[in-house]
Amino acid sequence: MAEEMKKSGQGQQSGGDVVKGDFSTILVGVGTLLDNTITPISKMVAQALDSLTVVAKQILEGVSSSLGDKK
């Protein structure tokens, strides 16, 4: 009887390990999905900011040169 309880207890523990394993697999999958989604978006945002920086610099240079011509 005690051996049967040990075996059933071990079965429950391994079942808990399976649930923990499945949960960690899901978390890893979700993390990978988020990483694969966020990385291209962050690259696009970085490129857009770089473009805005170039445009802003050109605008400031234009304003500076036009103010310099009026003096």
C-alpha atoms as a PDB file:
ATOM      1  CA  MET A   1       0.000   0.000   0.000  1.00  0.00           C
ATOM      2  CA  ALA A   2       2.795   2.425   0.925  1.00  0.00           C
ATOM      3  CA  GLU A   3       4.614   1.534  -2.281  1.00  0.00           C
ATOM      4  CA  GLU A   4       1.476   2.230  -4.293  1.00  0.00           C
ATOM      5  CA  MET A   5       1.165   5.639  -2.659  1.00  0.00           C
ATOM      6  CA  LYS A   6       4.815   6.398  -3.442  1.00  0.00           C
ATOM      7  CA  LYS A   7       4.283   5.425  -7.069  1.00  0.00           C
ATOM      8  CA  SER A   8       1.120   7.509  -7.362  1.00  0.00           C
ATOM      9  CA  GLY A   9       2.895  10.399  -5.632  1.00  0.00           C
ATOM     10  CA  GLN A  10       5.753  10.141  -8.074  1.00  0.00           C
ATOM     11  CA  GLY A  11       3.285  10.116 -10.927  1.00  0.00           C
ATOM     12  CA  GLN A  12       1.752  13.318  -9.661  1.00  0.00           C
ATOM     13  CA  GLN A  13       5.140  14.943  -9.309  1.00  0.00           C
ATOM     14  CA  SER A  14       6.134  14.019 -12.826  1.00  0.00           C
ATOM     15  CA  GLY A  15       2.768  15.326 -13.991  1.00  0.00           C
ATOM     16  CA  GLY A  16       3.560  18.614 -12.261  1.00  0.00           C
ATOM     17  CA  ASP A  17       6.929  18.676 -13.985  1.00  0.00           C
ATOM     18  CA  VAL A  18       5.190  18.197 -17.317  1.00  0.00           C
ATOM     19  CA  VAL A  19       2.931  21.160 -16.585  1.00  0.00           C
ATOM     20  CA  LYS A  20       5.940  23.261 -15.567  1.00  0.00           C
ATOM     21  CA  GLY A  21       7.745  22.157 -18.708  1.00  0.00           C
ATOM     22  CA  ASP A  22       4.776  23.022 -20.895  1.00  0.00           C
ATOM     23  CA  PHE A  23       4.389  26.396 -19.203  1.00  0.00           C
ATOM     24  CA  SER A  24       8.063  27.237 -19.681  1.00  0.00           C
ATOM     25  CA  THR A  25       7.835  26.136 -23.312  1.00  0.00           C
ATOM     26  CA  ILE A  26       4.872  28.470 -23.798  1.00  0.00           C
ATOM     27  CA  LEU A  27       6.761  31.329 -22.135  1.00  0.00           C
ATOM     28  CA  VAL A  28       9.804  30.732 -24.322  1.00  0.00           C
ATOM     29  CA  GLY A  29       7.567  30.631 -27.398  1.00  0.00           C
ATOM     30  CA  VAL A  30       5.832  33.863 -26.448  1.00  0.00           C
ATOM     31  CA  GLY A  31       9.179  35.512 -25.736  1.00  0.00           C
ATOM     32  CA  THR A  32      10.534  34.423 -29.103  1.00  0.00           C
ATOM     33  CA  LEU A  33       7.401  35.661 -30.860  1.00  0.00           C
ATOM     34  CA  LEU A  34       7.638  39.049 -29.134  1.00  0.00           C
ATOM     35  CA  ASP A  35      11.345  39.301 -29.907  1.00  0.00           C
ATOM     36  CA  ASN A  36      10.776  38.488 -33.571  1.00  0.00           C
ATOM     37  CA  THR A  37       8.006  41.100 -33.725  1.00  0.00           C
ATOM     38  CA  ILE A  38       9.715  43.895 -31.799  1.00  0.00           C
ATOM     39  CA  THR A  39      13.128  43.664 -33.485  1.00  0.00           C
ATOM     40  CA  PRO A  40      11.961  44.685 -37.001  1.00  0.00           C
ATOM     41  CA  ILE A  41       9.726  47.401 -35.542  1.00  0.00           C
ATOM     42  CA  SER A  42      12.611  48.849 -33.531  1.00  0.00           C
ATOM     43  CA  LYS A  43      14.804  48.829 -36.647  1.00  0.00           C
ATOM     44  CA  MET A  44      12.107  50.702 -38.591  1.00  0.00           C
ATOM     45  CA  VAL A  45      11.747  53.250 -35.779  1.00  0.00           C
ATOM     46  CA  ALA A  46      15.514  53.746 -35.670  1.00  0.00           C
ATOM     47  CA  GLN A  47      15.619  54.289 -39.443  1.00  0.00           C
ATOM     48  CA  ALA A  48      12.728  56.755 -39.260  1.00  0.00           C
ATOM     49  CA  LEU A  49      14.475  58.709 -36.495  1.00  0.00           C
ATOM     50  CA  ASP A  50      17.688  58.771 -38.526  1.00  0.00           C
ATOM     51  CA  SER A  51      15.754  60.129 -41.509  1.00  0.00           C
ATOM     52  CA  LEU A  52      14.094  62.781 -39.350  1.00  0.00           C
ATOM     53  CA  THR A  53      17.482  63.787 -37.994  1.00  0.00           C
ATOM     54  CA  VAL A  54      18.835  64.262 -41.516  1.00  0.00           C
ATOM     55  CA  VAL A  55      15.775  66.303 -42.541  1.00  0.00           C
ATOM     56  CA  ALA A  56      15.938  68.436 -39.398  1.00  0.00           C
ATOM     57  CA  LYS A  57      19.633  69.116 -39.995  1.00  0.00           C
ATOM     58  CA  GLN A  58      18.924  70.162 -43.591  1.00  0.00           C
ATOM     59  CA  ILE A  59      16.122  72.478 -42.431  1.00  0.00           C
ATOM     60  CA  LEU A  60      18.350  74.074 -39.791  1.00  0.00           C
ATOM     61  CA  GLU A  61      21.166  74.535 -42.288  1.00  0.00           C
ATOM     62  CA  GLY A  62      18.715  76.151 -44.721  1.00  0.00           C
ATOM     63  CA  VAL A  63      17.362  78.499 -42.058  1.00  0.00           C
ATOM     64  CA  SER A  64      20.889  79.321 -40.904  1.00  0.00           C
ATOM     65  CA  SER A  65      22.094  80.082 -44.427  1.00  0.00           C
ATOM     66  CA  SER A  66      19.042  82.212 -45.244  1.00  0.00           C
ATOM     67  CA  LEU A  67      19.499  84.221 -42.035  1.00  0.00           C
ATOM     68  CA  GLY A  68      23.167  84.563 -42.822  1.00  0.00           C
ATOM     69  CA  ASP A  69      22.363  85.933 -46.305  1.00  0.00           C
ATOM     70  CA  LYS A  70      20.037  88.633 -44.909  1.00  0.00           C
ATOM     71  CA  LYS A  71      22.680  90.138 -42.630  1.00  0.00           C
END
